Structures are given as structure tokens and as C-alpha cells.
Amino acid sequence: MKLVRLLAVLFIGLCYSQSALAYLDPGTGSLILQMLIAGILGALYTIKLYWYRLKIFIAQILGAETKSENKQDNDNLSDKD
């Protein structure tokens, strides 16, 4: 409930703010672009680090079998022969 109230106050504050007539020079645009590229590359690197865990997590959500479950099933079949 506190979060909803905080978001409402922030929204109202942003809606009724006066214009600042601020100037954005080319360096500011370059900085914003640089932060955007760094954020994307950071997200890709994080996904790369945790790819295996992410793949297993998504497979569990979708109900697919993982390699370890598949291997155990194959081992059980070979033991019965």
C-alpha cells in the first residue's frame, strides 16, 4: 500500500512539474548512448555467466526434461537389460 501511495505521489509530481528550459548538449546525448550500450552489454554478459542455470530454470517452467533427468532415465533402462 505504501508503494502505491509513493508511486501516486511521484506520478502527480511529474505531471505538474514546470518546464526547466534546459539545454542538452551533444555530450549529454553521447553519455546517454554510452550508458545504454553499457547496460545492454552488461545484461548480455550476465546472461552469459548464468546461461546454464537460466536454461534449466526455463526448462523447468515449460515442463521439459533436463539432461540429468534424461541421463537417469537412460541409465535405468540399461540396468533392466
Protein backbone atom coordinates (compact mmCIF):
# COMPACT_ATOMS: atom_id res chain seq x y z
CA MET A 1 0.00 0.00 0.00
CA LYS A 2 2.89 2.35 0.76
CA LEU A 3 4.39 1.61 -2.64
CA VAL A 4 1.16 2.55 -4.40
CA ARG A 5 0.98 5.80 -2.45
CA LEU A 6 4.62 6.59 -3.27
CA LEU A 7 4.08 5.91 -6.97
CA ALA A 8 0.96 8.08 -6.99
CA VAL A 9 2.83 10.99 -5.37
CA LEU A 10 5.72 10.64 -7.83
CA PHE A 11 3.33 10.49 -10.79
CA ILE A 12 1.46 13.59 -9.68
CA GLY A 13 4.73 15.41 -9.05
CA LEU A 14 5.97 14.59 -12.54
CA CYS A 15 2.69 15.62 -14.16
CA TYR A 16 2.62 19.05 -12.54
CA SER A 17 6.30 19.96 -12.81
CA GLN A 18 7.26 23.15 -14.62
CA SER A 19 9.46 23.09 -17.68
CA ALA A 20 13.11 23.82 -16.95
CA LEU A 21 14.10 25.12 -20.40
CA ALA A 22 17.29 23.10 -20.05
CA TYR A 23 19.78 22.64 -22.86
CA LEU A 24 21.05 19.16 -23.70
CA ASP A 25 24.40 19.44 -25.45
CA PRO A 26 25.86 16.69 -27.69
CA GLY A 27 27.95 15.40 -24.79
CA THR A 28 24.78 14.56 -22.88
CA GLY A 29 23.43 12.55 -25.81
CA SER A 30 26.75 10.75 -26.06
CA LEU A 31 26.64 9.94 -22.34
CA ILE A 32 23.09 8.58 -22.60
CA LEU A 33 24.07 6.42 -25.60
CA GLN A 34 27.15 5.19 -23.75
CA MET A 35 25.08 4.20 -20.70
CA LEU A 36 22.56 2.41 -22.93
CA ILE A 37 25.28 0.41 -24.68
CA ALA A 38 26.97 -0.42 -21.35
CA GLY A 39 23.65 -1.58 -19.90
CA ILE A 40 22.94 -3.85 -22.86
CA LEU A 41 26.45 -5.33 -22.81
CA GLY A 42 26.28 -5.81 -19.04
CA ALA A 43 22.96 -7.64 -19.37
CA LEU A 44 24.36 -9.87 -22.13
CA TYR A 45 27.43 -10.70 -20.04
CA THR A 46 25.26 -11.55 -17.04
CA ILE A 47 23.12 -13.83 -19.20
CA LYS A 48 26.32 -15.46 -20.49
CA LEU A 49 27.52 -16.12 -16.94
CA TYR A 50 24.26 -17.69 -15.80
CA TRP A 51 23.19 -19.28 -19.11
CA TYR A 52 23.15 -22.88 -17.86
CA ARG A 53 21.11 -22.03 -14.76
CA LEU A 54 18.75 -19.90 -16.83
CA LYS A 55 18.29 -22.71 -19.35
CA ILE A 56 17.42 -25.22 -16.63
CA PHE A 57 15.05 -22.75 -14.97
CA ILE A 58 13.19 -22.09 -18.22
CA ALA A 59 13.06 -25.82 -19.00
CA GLN A 60 11.51 -26.49 -15.59
CA ILE A 61 8.91 -23.78 -16.15
CA LEU A 62 7.99 -25.17 -19.55
CA GLY A 63 7.98 -28.75 -18.25
CA ALA A 64 10.80 -30.02 -20.46
CA GLU A 65 13.22 -32.65 -19.21
CA THR A 66 16.77 -31.62 -18.39
CA LYS A 67 19.86 -33.57 -19.46
CA SER A 68 20.38 -35.03 -15.99
CA GLU A 69 16.81 -36.39 -15.92
CA ASN A 70 17.28 -37.81 -19.41
CA LYS A 71 20.54 -39.49 -18.39
CA GLN A 72 18.93 -41.07 -15.32
CA ASP A 73 16.11 -42.47 -17.45
CA ASN A 74 18.62 -43.98 -19.88
CA ASP A 75 20.64 -45.47 -17.00
CA ASN A 76 17.51 -47.06 -15.55
CA LEU A 77 16.66 -48.61 -18.93
CA SER A 78 20.17 -50.06 -19.34
CA ASP A 79 20.09 -51.54 -15.81
CA LYS A 80 16.94 -53.52 -16.64
CA ASP A 81 18.61 -55.30 -19.58
